[in-house]
Amino acid sequence: MDSLRIIDTWPVPTAAAAVVRADGTLVGSHGPVEQRFPLASVTKPLAAYAALVAYEEGAIELDEPAGPEGSTVRHLLAHTSGLAFDEHRVMAPPEQRRLYSNAGFEVLGDHIAKATGIPFAEYLHQAVFEPLGMASSALEGSPAKDGVSTVADLVRFAAELQAPRLLDVRTVAGATSVVHPGLKGVLPGYGHQSPNDWGLGLEIRDGKSPHWTGLNSSPRAFGHFGQSGTFLWVDPDVGAACVALTDRAFGPWAAQAWTPFTDAVLAELRG
C-alpha cells in the first residue's frame, strides 16, 4: 500500500505500520514490522481481551464486584469505575463519568490473577499471545501500559478483533459496542468529549472531535492509541485494521500526522 509509506515523513526515529483484513490477509506493511516497541496504552485492548477469555472460561463474571465499592469488572473495562487516572483513588461513583484509568486496569489485572491463580502477565500470554502466535509480545509490568510487541504480532490480534477465534463473536460485539452510553469524559491528548464512548477496553470512534483516527473513519471504528506513539484501529466499514508503532512519545506531531495518514489508508482501501 502506497499510503503506508507516509510514515517515512513522520518526525520519529523509527516507525512501522501494516493493514490487515479480517481473514488475516496482509494488505500491506512498511518499516521494521519485526521490531519490538513499547505499546503504552495499546496494552489495554490486549489485557481486555484476556479478561474476556477469563469471562468465557468462567473464571470471572463481567458484573461481579471488582475495584471500588459498587464497581464491577465491566466498569473497570469501560473506564466507569470512578477510579482516578493513575492513582488508586476514587473520584466518582461508578457509572457517573468516563474517567480513563490506568489504575482501573491494574485492579483488573490483580482481580483476574486472584481468580485464576495465575499472574496476569502469564495469563495474558496463555490466553492471547500464545494461541495467536504472538511470539514477540509480552507484558512487562502494568496491564494498563507495559506491553511490548511488534507490528507483525499486532496484525494477528487485529485480525482476531475482526473475526474472533478465541472468543464468541457475540462477546467481541459487546466489547466493541458502547458500554454505559452518554457519559462525558476526557480522551487523553484530545480533550473533553461528550459523549466519550467506550466499549470494553476499546475506544469507540462515534462522533468524537478531535480524534486520533481519520476524519473519514466510520463511527463504528474502534481501537486504542498509546503515549509511546502507537495505535491500532479497526474499521468495520472498510473491513480492515491498521497498526502503527513508533519510538517517539505521543505529542502534537502525532495529532497532526495520524489523521491524514488514516484518511490516506482508508482512501486506498476504498478506492
C-alpha atoms as a PDB file:
ATOM      1  CA  MET A   1       0.000   0.000   0.000  1.00  0.00           C
ATOM      2  CA  ASP A   2       1.454   3.340  -1.063  1.00  0.00           C
ATOM      3  CA  SER A   3      -0.315   5.134   1.791  1.00  0.00           C
ATOM      4  CA  LEU A   4       1.747   3.272   4.385  1.00  0.00           C
ATOM      5  CA  ARG A   5       4.896   4.980   3.090  1.00  0.00           C
ATOM      6  CA  ILE A   6       3.621   8.200   4.638  1.00  0.00           C
ATOM      7  CA  ILE A   7       5.167   7.011   7.920  1.00  0.00           C
ATOM      8  CA  ASP A   8       8.568   7.828   6.393  1.00  0.00           C
ATOM      9  CA  THR A   9       7.628  11.518   6.708  1.00  0.00           C
ATOM     10  CA  TRP A  10       6.771  11.292  10.411  1.00  0.00           C
ATOM     11  CA  PRO A  11       9.239  13.063  12.749  1.00  0.00           C
ATOM     12  CA  VAL A  12      10.176   9.847  14.551  1.00  0.00           C
ATOM     13  CA  PRO A  13      13.377   7.788  14.673  1.00  0.00           C
ATOM     14  CA  THR A  14      11.600   4.553  13.719  1.00  0.00           C
ATOM     15  CA  ALA A  15       8.106   3.627  12.586  1.00  0.00           C
ATOM     16  CA  ALA A  16       6.402   0.527  11.248  1.00  0.00           C
ATOM     17  CA  ALA A  17       2.830   0.022  10.053  1.00  0.00           C
ATOM     18  CA  ALA A  18       0.576  -2.561   8.439  1.00  0.00           C
ATOM     19  CA  VAL A  19      -3.006  -3.115   7.305  1.00  0.00           C
ATOM     20  CA  VAL A  20      -4.759  -6.463   7.714  1.00  0.00           C
ATOM     21  CA  ARG A  21      -8.124  -7.895   6.671  1.00  0.00           C
ATOM     22  CA  ALA A  22     -10.406  -9.952   8.890  1.00  0.00           C
ATOM     23  CA  ASP A  23      -9.187 -13.204   7.326  1.00  0.00           C
ATOM     24  CA  GLY A  24      -5.618 -12.353   8.252  1.00  0.00           C
ATOM     25  CA  THR A  25      -4.630 -11.251   4.751  1.00  0.00           C
ATOM     26  CA  LEU A  26      -1.910  -8.637   4.970  1.00  0.00           C
ATOM     27  CA  VAL A  27      -2.948  -5.805   2.650  1.00  0.00           C
ATOM     28  CA  GLY A  28       0.385  -4.060   3.080  1.00  0.00           C
ATOM     29  CA  SER A  29       3.200  -3.274   5.502  1.00  0.00           C
ATOM     30  CA  HIS A  30       6.054  -0.803   5.736  1.00  0.00           C
ATOM     31  CA  GLY A  31       9.005  -0.410   8.073  1.00  0.00           C
ATOM     32  CA  PRO A  32      10.588  -2.883  10.524  1.00  0.00           C
ATOM     33  CA  VAL A  33       7.489  -4.945  11.337  1.00  0.00           C
ATOM     34  CA  GLU A  34       9.500  -7.423  13.445  1.00  0.00           C
ATOM     35  CA  GLN A  35      10.973  -4.711  15.716  1.00  0.00           C
ATOM     36  CA  ARG A  36       9.660  -4.697  19.286  1.00  0.00           C
ATOM     37  CA  PHE A  37       8.202  -1.409  20.529  1.00  0.00           C
ATOM     38  CA  PRO A  38       6.743  -0.359  23.887  1.00  0.00           C
ATOM     39  CA  LEU A  39       2.971  -0.220  23.400  1.00  0.00           C
ATOM     40  CA  ALA A  40       1.955   2.103  26.259  1.00  0.00           C
ATOM     41  CA  SER A  41      -1.862   2.073  26.364  1.00  0.00           C
ATOM     42  CA  VAL A  42      -2.229  -0.145  23.297  1.00  0.00           C
ATOM     43  CA  THR A  43      -1.578  -2.722  26.038  1.00  0.00           C
ATOM     44  CA  LYS A  44      -5.151  -2.198  27.289  1.00  0.00           C
ATOM     45  CA  PRO A  45      -7.017  -3.921  24.425  1.00  0.00           C
ATOM     46  CA  LEU A  46      -4.741  -6.947  24.868  1.00  0.00           C
ATOM     47  CA  ALA A  47      -5.395  -7.019  28.613  1.00  0.00           C
ATOM     48  CA  ALA A  48      -9.118  -6.582  27.995  1.00  0.00           C
ATOM     49  CA  TYR A  49      -9.128  -9.496  25.571  1.00  0.00           C
ATOM     50  CA  ALA A  50      -7.515 -11.702  28.215  1.00  0.00           C
ATOM     51  CA  ALA A  51     -10.209 -10.563  30.655  1.00  0.00           C
ATOM     52  CA  LEU A  52     -12.882 -11.628  28.176  1.00  0.00           C
ATOM     53  CA  VAL A  53     -11.209 -15.031  27.817  1.00  0.00           C
ATOM     54  CA  ALA A  54     -11.328 -15.335  31.612  1.00  0.00           C
ATOM     55  CA  TYR A  55     -15.022 -14.453  31.446  1.00  0.00           C
ATOM     56  CA  GLU A  56     -15.763 -17.082  28.802  1.00  0.00           C
ATOM     57  CA  GLU A  57     -13.764 -19.667  30.737  1.00  0.00           C
ATOM     58  CA  GLY A  58     -15.942 -18.978  33.776  1.00  0.00           C
ATOM     59  CA  ALA A  59     -13.113 -17.641  35.953  1.00  0.00           C
ATOM     60  CA  ILE A  60     -14.836 -14.263  36.333  1.00  0.00           C
ATOM     61  CA  GLU A  61     -18.175 -12.603  35.571  1.00  0.00           C
ATOM     62  CA  LEU A  62     -18.393  -9.184  33.945  1.00  0.00           C
ATOM     63  CA  ASP A  63     -20.842  -7.976  36.569  1.00  0.00           C
ATOM     64  CA  GLU A  64     -19.103  -9.326  39.656  1.00  0.00           C
ATOM     65  CA  PRO A  65     -17.673  -6.822  42.161  1.00  0.00           C
ATOM     66  CA  ALA A  66     -14.174  -5.558  41.374  1.00  0.00           C
ATOM     67  CA  GLY A  67     -12.449  -2.301  42.312  1.00  0.00           C
ATOM     68  CA  PRO A  68     -14.174   0.437  44.325  1.00  0.00           C
ATOM     69  CA  GLU A  69     -17.448  -0.138  46.157  1.00  0.00           C
ATOM     70  CA  GLY A  70     -20.258  -0.665  43.639  1.00  0.00           C
ATOM     71  CA  SER A  71     -17.829  -1.220  40.770  1.00  0.00           C
ATOM     72  CA  THR A  72     -17.637  -4.369  38.631  1.00  0.00           C
ATOM     73  CA  VAL A  73     -15.281  -5.954  36.106  1.00  0.00           C
ATOM     74  CA  ARG A  74     -17.388  -4.323  33.387  1.00  0.00           C
ATOM     75  CA  HIS A  75     -16.912  -0.889  34.970  1.00  0.00           C
ATOM     76  CA  LEU A  76     -13.138  -1.366  35.117  1.00  0.00           C
ATOM     77  CA  LEU A  77     -13.014  -2.373  31.440  1.00  0.00           C
ATOM     78  CA  ALA A  78     -15.209   0.554  30.379  1.00  0.00           C
ATOM     79  CA  HIS A  79     -13.405   3.231  32.437  1.00  0.00           C
ATOM     80  CA  THR A  80     -16.541   3.844  34.514  1.00  0.00           C
ATOM     81  CA  SER A  81     -15.372   2.515  37.906  1.00  0.00           C
ATOM     82  CA  GLY A  82     -14.708   6.014  39.223  1.00  0.00           C
ATOM     83  CA  LEU A  83     -11.008   5.352  39.841  1.00  0.00           C
ATOM     84  CA  ALA A  84      -8.526   8.147  39.124  1.00  0.00           C
ATOM     85  CA  PHE A  85      -6.215   8.142  36.114  1.00  0.00           C
ATOM     86  CA  ASP A  86      -3.012   6.893  37.733  1.00  0.00           C
ATOM     87  CA  GLU A  87      -3.946   6.605  41.403  1.00  0.00           C
ATOM     88  CA  HIS A  88      -5.934   4.028  43.331  1.00  0.00           C
ATOM     89  CA  ARG A  89      -8.214   6.838  44.490  1.00  0.00           C
ATOM     90  CA  VAL A  90     -11.971   7.075  43.914  1.00  0.00           C
ATOM     91  CA  MET A  91     -13.009  10.226  42.035  1.00  0.00           C
ATOM     92  CA  ALA A  92     -16.692   9.474  41.383  1.00  0.00           C
ATOM     93  CA  PRO A  93     -19.329   6.780  41.925  1.00  0.00           C
ATOM     94  CA  PRO A  94     -19.348   4.001  39.321  1.00  0.00           C
ATOM     95  CA  GLU A  95     -21.088   4.752  36.018  1.00  0.00           C
ATOM     96  CA  GLN A  96     -21.304   8.513  36.593  1.00  0.00           C
ATOM     97  CA  ARG A  97     -18.382   9.701  34.434  1.00  0.00           C
ATOM     98  CA  ARG A  98     -15.964   8.232  31.916  1.00  0.00           C
ATOM     99  CA  LEU A  99     -12.720   8.511  33.898  1.00  0.00           C
ATOM    100  CA  TYR A 100      -9.941   6.987  31.822  1.00  0.00           C
ATOM    101  CA  SER A 101      -7.959   4.971  34.361  1.00  0.00           C
ATOM    102  CA  ASN A 102      -4.660   3.111  34.304  1.00  0.00           C
ATOM    103  CA  ALA A 103      -5.335   2.235  37.924  1.00  0.00           C
ATOM    104  CA  GLY A 104      -8.565   0.521  36.883  1.00  0.00           C
ATOM    105  CA  PHE A 105      -6.701  -1.843  34.563  1.00  0.00           C
ATOM    106  CA  GLU A 106      -4.162  -2.599  37.286  1.00  0.00           C
ATOM    107  CA  VAL A 107      -7.008  -3.507  39.654  1.00  0.00           C
ATOM    108  CA  LEU A 108      -8.479  -5.624  36.853  1.00  0.00           C
ATOM    109  CA  GLY A 109      -5.199  -7.497  36.359  1.00  0.00           C
ATOM    110  CA  ASP A 110      -4.948  -8.221  40.076  1.00  0.00           C
ATOM    111  CA  HIS A 111      -8.572  -9.385  40.142  1.00  0.00           C
ATOM    112  CA  ILE A 112      -8.022 -11.849  37.287  1.00  0.00           C
ATOM    113  CA  ALA A 113      -4.761 -13.103  38.794  1.00  0.00           C
ATOM    114  CA  LYS A 114      -6.564 -13.836  42.060  1.00  0.00           C
ATOM    115  CA  ALA A 115      -9.490 -15.523  40.289  1.00  0.00           C
ATOM    116  CA  THR A 116      -7.319 -17.725  38.072  1.00  0.00           C
ATOM    117  CA  GLY A 117      -4.354 -18.313  40.372  1.00  0.00           C
ATOM    118  CA  ILE A 118      -2.069 -17.223  37.511  1.00  0.00           C
ATOM    119  CA  PRO A 119      -0.028 -13.978  37.417  1.00  0.00           C
ATOM    120  CA  PHE A 120      -1.772 -11.699  34.943  1.00  0.00           C
ATOM    121  CA  ALA A 121       1.222 -11.392  32.599  1.00  0.00           C
ATOM    122  CA  GLU A 122       1.324 -15.180  32.305  1.00  0.00           C
ATOM    123  CA  TYR A 123      -2.447 -15.390  31.893  1.00  0.00           C
ATOM    124  CA  LEU A 124      -2.292 -12.863  29.035  1.00  0.00           C
ATOM    125  CA  HIS A 125       0.458 -14.942  27.426  1.00  0.00           C
ATOM    126  CA  GLN A 126      -1.531 -18.168  27.691  1.00  0.00           C
ATOM    127  CA  ALA A 127      -4.907 -16.666  26.771  1.00  0.00           C
ATOM    128  CA  VAL A 128      -3.954 -14.348  23.902  1.00  0.00           C
ATOM    129  CA  PHE A 129      -0.312 -14.253  22.826  1.00  0.00           C
ATOM    130  CA  GLU A 130       0.341 -17.989  22.588  1.00  0.00           C
ATOM    131  CA  PRO A 131      -2.817 -19.047  20.708  1.00  0.00           C
ATOM    132  CA  LEU A 132      -2.478 -16.154  18.242  1.00  0.00           C
ATOM    133  CA  GLY A 133       1.207 -16.861  17.611  1.00  0.00           C
ATOM    134  CA  MET A 134       2.316 -13.513  19.037  1.00  0.00           C
ATOM    135  CA  ALA A 135       5.768 -14.822  19.964  1.00  0.00           C
ATOM    136  CA  SER A 136       7.416 -11.384  20.256  1.00  0.00           C
ATOM    137  CA  SER A 137       4.786  -9.941  22.627  1.00  0.00           C
ATOM    138  CA  ALA A 138       4.972  -9.727  26.411  1.00  0.00           C
ATOM    139  CA  LEU A 139       3.580  -7.845  29.378  1.00  0.00           C
ATOM    140  CA  GLU A 140       6.480  -6.418  31.400  1.00  0.00           C
ATOM    141  CA  GLY A 141       4.571  -4.691  34.190  1.00  0.00           C
ATOM    142  CA  SER A 142       1.261  -2.867  34.370  1.00  0.00           C
ATOM    143  CA  PRO A 143      -1.694  -4.301  32.382  1.00  0.00           C
ATOM    144  CA  ALA A 144      -2.529  -0.679  31.589  1.00  0.00           C
ATOM    145  CA  LYS A 145       0.656   0.312  29.781  1.00  0.00           C
ATOM    146  CA  ASP A 146       3.627  -2.054  29.919  1.00  0.00           C
ATOM    147  CA  GLY A 147       3.131  -4.312  26.904  1.00  0.00           C
ATOM    148  CA  VAL A 148       5.754  -4.744  24.210  1.00  0.00           C
ATOM    149  CA  SER A 149       5.046  -6.103  20.751  1.00  0.00           C
ATOM    150  CA  THR A 150       5.709  -5.868  17.025  1.00  0.00           C
ATOM    151  CA  VAL A 151       3.563  -4.821  14.087  1.00  0.00           C
ATOM    152  CA  ALA A 152       3.777  -8.419  12.842  1.00  0.00           C
ATOM    153  CA  ASP A 153       2.290  -9.668  16.116  1.00  0.00           C
ATOM    154  CA  LEU A 154      -0.350  -6.968  16.425  1.00  0.00           C
ATOM    155  CA  VAL A 155      -1.767  -7.621  12.955  1.00  0.00           C
ATOM    156  CA  ARG A 156      -2.598 -11.112  14.254  1.00  0.00           C
ATOM    157  CA  PHE A 157      -4.500  -9.525  17.118  1.00  0.00           C
ATOM    158  CA  ALA A 158      -6.154  -7.026  14.745  1.00  0.00           C
ATOM    159  CA  ALA A 159      -7.372  -9.914  12.582  1.00  0.00           C
ATOM    160  CA  GLU A 160      -8.720 -11.625  15.726  1.00  0.00           C
ATOM    161  CA  LEU A 161     -10.689  -8.488  16.633  1.00  0.00           C
ATOM    162  CA  GLN A 162     -12.350  -8.619  13.209  1.00  0.00           C
ATOM    163  CA  ALA A 163     -13.012 -12.378  13.049  1.00  0.00           C
ATOM    164  CA  PRO A 164     -12.737 -13.859  16.561  1.00  0.00           C
ATOM    165  CA  ARG A 165     -11.384 -17.354  17.060  1.00  0.00           C
ATOM    166  CA  LEU A 166     -10.521 -17.137  20.767  1.00  0.00           C
ATOM    167  CA  LEU A 167     -13.860 -15.640  21.816  1.00  0.00           C
ATOM    168  CA  ASP A 168     -17.511 -15.956  20.853  1.00  0.00           C
ATOM    169  CA  VAL A 169     -18.348 -13.349  18.226  1.00  0.00           C
ATOM    170  CA  ARG A 170     -21.130 -12.047  20.498  1.00  0.00           C
ATOM    171  CA  THR A 171     -18.627 -11.345  23.277  1.00  0.00           C
ATOM    172  CA  VAL A 172     -16.484  -9.285  20.913  1.00  0.00           C
ATOM    173  CA  ALA A 173     -19.549  -7.495  19.545  1.00  0.00           C
ATOM    174  CA  GLY A 174     -20.383  -6.454  23.112  1.00  0.00           C
ATOM    175  CA  ALA A 175     -16.825  -5.294  23.721  1.00  0.00           C
ATOM    176  CA  THR A 176     -16.811  -3.168  20.561  1.00  0.00           C
ATOM    177  CA  SER A 177     -20.190  -1.542  21.261  1.00  0.00           C
ATOM    178  CA  VAL A 178     -20.778   1.413  23.581  1.00  0.00           C
ATOM    179  CA  VAL A 179     -20.927   0.408  27.244  1.00  0.00           C
ATOM    180  CA  HIS A 180     -22.752   2.863  29.551  1.00  0.00           C
ATOM    181  CA  PRO A 181     -23.712   5.269  26.739  1.00  0.00           C
ATOM    182  CA  GLY A 182     -23.941   9.024  27.118  1.00  0.00           C
ATOM    183  CA  LEU A 183     -21.144   9.522  29.657  1.00  0.00           C
ATOM    184  CA  LYS A 184     -18.890  12.546  29.311  1.00  0.00           C
ATOM    185  CA  GLY A 185     -15.160  12.428  29.875  1.00  0.00           C
ATOM    186  CA  VAL A 186     -11.688  13.417  28.754  1.00  0.00           C
ATOM    187  CA  LEU A 187      -9.961  11.477  25.977  1.00  0.00           C
ATOM    188  CA  PRO A 188      -6.258  11.801  26.919  1.00  0.00           C
ATOM    189  CA  GLY A 189      -4.462  14.012  24.449  1.00  0.00           C
ATOM    190  CA  TYR A 190      -7.692  15.114  22.746  1.00  0.00           C
ATOM    191  CA  GLY A 191      -9.657  16.832  25.489  1.00  0.00           C
ATOM    192  CA  HIS A 192     -13.239  16.707  26.717  1.00  0.00           C
ATOM    193  CA  GLN A 193     -15.660  14.585  24.709  1.00  0.00           C
ATOM    194  CA  SER A 194     -19.431  14.490  25.087  1.00  0.00           C
ATOM    195  CA  PRO A 195     -20.181  11.684  24.899  1.00  0.00           C
ATOM    196  CA  ASN A 196     -16.868   9.902  25.460  1.00  0.00           C
ATOM    197  CA  ASP A 197     -17.896   6.465  24.229  1.00  0.00           C
ATOM    198  CA  TRP A 198     -16.010   3.255  25.029  1.00  0.00           C
ATOM    199  CA  GLY A 199     -16.620  -0.444  24.819  1.00  0.00           C
ATOM    200  CA  LEU A 200     -14.716  -2.936  26.984  1.00  0.00           C
ATOM    201  CA  GLY A 201     -11.060  -1.955  26.781  1.00  0.00           C
ATOM    202  CA  LEU A 202     -11.601  -0.465  23.320  1.00  0.00           C
ATOM    203  CA  GLU A 203     -12.461   3.114  22.442  1.00  0.00           C
ATOM    204  CA  ILE A 204     -15.383   3.639  20.060  1.00  0.00           C
ATOM    205  CA  ARG A 205     -14.900   6.342  17.402  1.00  0.00           C
ATOM    206  CA  ASP A 206     -18.515   7.536  17.154  1.00  0.00           C
ATOM    207  CA  GLY A 207     -18.623  11.311  16.537  1.00  0.00           C
ATOM    208  CA  LYS A 208     -15.651  12.392  18.648  1.00  0.00           C
ATOM    209  CA  SER A 209     -13.801  15.509  17.549  1.00  0.00           C
ATOM    210  CA  PRO A 210     -10.891  15.998  17.651  1.00  0.00           C
ATOM    211  CA  HIS A 211      -9.773  12.382  17.384  1.00  0.00           C
ATOM    212  CA  TRP A 212      -6.699  10.287  16.617  1.00  0.00           C
ATOM    213  CA  THR A 213      -8.340   8.306  13.785  1.00  0.00           C
ATOM    214  CA  GLY A 214      -9.293   9.763  10.394  1.00  0.00           C
ATOM    215  CA  LEU A 215     -11.823  12.392   9.521  1.00  0.00           C
ATOM    216  CA  ASN A 216     -13.298   9.698   7.266  1.00  0.00           C
ATOM    217  CA  SER A 217     -13.180   6.866   9.799  1.00  0.00           C
ATOM    218  CA  SER A 218     -16.599   5.332  10.336  1.00  0.00           C
ATOM    219  CA  PRO A 219     -18.437   5.925  13.623  1.00  0.00           C
ATOM    220  CA  ARG A 220     -18.184   2.153  14.201  1.00  0.00           C
ATOM    221  CA  ALA A 221     -14.380   2.224  14.139  1.00  0.00           C
ATOM    222  CA  PHE A 222     -12.720   1.193  17.381  1.00  0.00           C
ATOM    223  CA  GLY A 223      -9.250   0.726  18.818  1.00  0.00           C
ATOM    224  CA  HIS A 224      -6.697   2.401  21.050  1.00  0.00           C
ATOM    225  CA  PHE A 225      -3.643   4.633  20.933  1.00  0.00           C
ATOM    226  CA  GLY A 226      -0.685   4.803  23.273  1.00  0.00           C
ATOM    227  CA  GLN A 227       1.519   7.531  24.713  1.00  0.00           C
ATOM    228  CA  SER A 228       4.559   5.809  23.211  1.00  0.00           C
ATOM    229  CA  GLY A 229       3.382   6.918  19.751  1.00  0.00           C
ATOM    230  CA  THR A 230       1.416   3.781  18.897  1.00  0.00           C
ATOM    231  CA  PHE A 231      -2.071   2.924  17.665  1.00  0.00           C
ATOM    232  CA  LEU A 232      -4.328   0.145  16.466  1.00  0.00           C
ATOM    233  CA  TRP A 233      -7.699   0.753  14.838  1.00  0.00           C
ATOM    234  CA  VAL A 234     -10.315  -1.481  13.276  1.00  0.00           C
ATOM    235  CA  ASP A 235     -12.843  -0.017  10.845  1.00  0.00           C
ATOM    236  CA  PRO A 236     -15.671  -2.485  10.154  1.00  0.00           C
ATOM    237  CA  ASP A 237     -16.983  -0.327   7.288  1.00  0.00           C
ATOM    238  CA  VAL A 238     -13.849  -0.996   5.227  1.00  0.00           C
ATOM    239  CA  GLY A 239     -13.261  -4.491   6.608  1.00  0.00           C
ATOM    240  CA  ALA A 240      -9.701  -3.795   7.695  1.00  0.00           C
ATOM    241  CA  ALA A 241      -7.484  -2.793  10.591  1.00  0.00           C
ATOM    242  CA  CYS A 242      -4.317  -0.725  10.823  1.00  0.00           C
ATOM    243  CA  VAL A 243      -1.417  -0.913  13.281  1.00  0.00           C
ATOM    244  CA  ALA A 244       1.312   1.724  13.599  1.00  0.00           C
ATOM    245  CA  LEU A 245       4.161   1.628  16.125  1.00  0.00           C
ATOM    246  CA  THR A 246       6.848   4.265  16.685  1.00  0.00           C
ATOM    247  CA  ASP A 247       9.586   5.063  19.164  1.00  0.00           C
ATOM    248  CA  ARG A 248       8.636   8.687  19.819  1.00  0.00           C
ATOM    249  CA  ALA A 249       6.235   9.675  22.581  1.00  0.00           C
ATOM    250  CA  PHE A 250       2.791  10.936  21.597  1.00  0.00           C
ATOM    251  CA  GLY A 251       2.582  14.697  21.189  1.00  0.00           C
ATOM    252  CA  PRO A 252       1.445  17.399  18.743  1.00  0.00           C
ATOM    253  CA  TRP A 253       3.367  15.619  15.971  1.00  0.00           C
ATOM    254  CA  ALA A 254       1.081  12.584  16.326  1.00  0.00           C
ATOM    255  CA  ALA A 255      -2.128  14.601  16.454  1.00  0.00           C
ATOM    256  CA  GLN A 256      -1.045  16.261  13.192  1.00  0.00           C
ATOM    257  CA  ALA A 257       0.265  13.124  11.444  1.00  0.00           C
ATOM    258  CA  TRP A 258      -2.107  10.320  12.351  1.00  0.00           C
ATOM    259  CA  THR A 259      -5.393  11.688  10.980  1.00  0.00           C
ATOM    260  CA  PRO A 260      -4.208  12.374   7.398  1.00  0.00           C
ATOM    261  CA  PHE A 261      -2.351   9.056   7.451  1.00  0.00           C
ATOM    262  CA  THR A 262      -5.504   7.159   8.424  1.00  0.00           C
ATOM    263  CA  ASP A 263      -7.547   9.022   5.818  1.00  0.00           C
ATOM    264  CA  ALA A 264      -4.987   8.095   3.149  1.00  0.00           C
ATOM    265  CA  VAL A 265      -5.117   4.431   4.202  1.00  0.00           C
ATOM    266  CA  LEU A 266      -8.927   4.482   4.153  1.00  0.00           C
ATOM    267  CA  ALA A 267      -8.986   6.121   0.718  1.00  0.00           C
ATOM    268  CA  GLU A 268      -6.677   3.426  -0.662  1.00  0.00           C
ATOM    269  CA  LEU A 269      -8.774   0.664   0.891  1.00  0.00           C
ATOM    270  CA  ARG A 270     -11.969   2.136  -0.525  1.00  0.00           C
ATOM    271  CA  GLY A 271     -10.519   3.048  -3.902  1.00  0.00           C
END
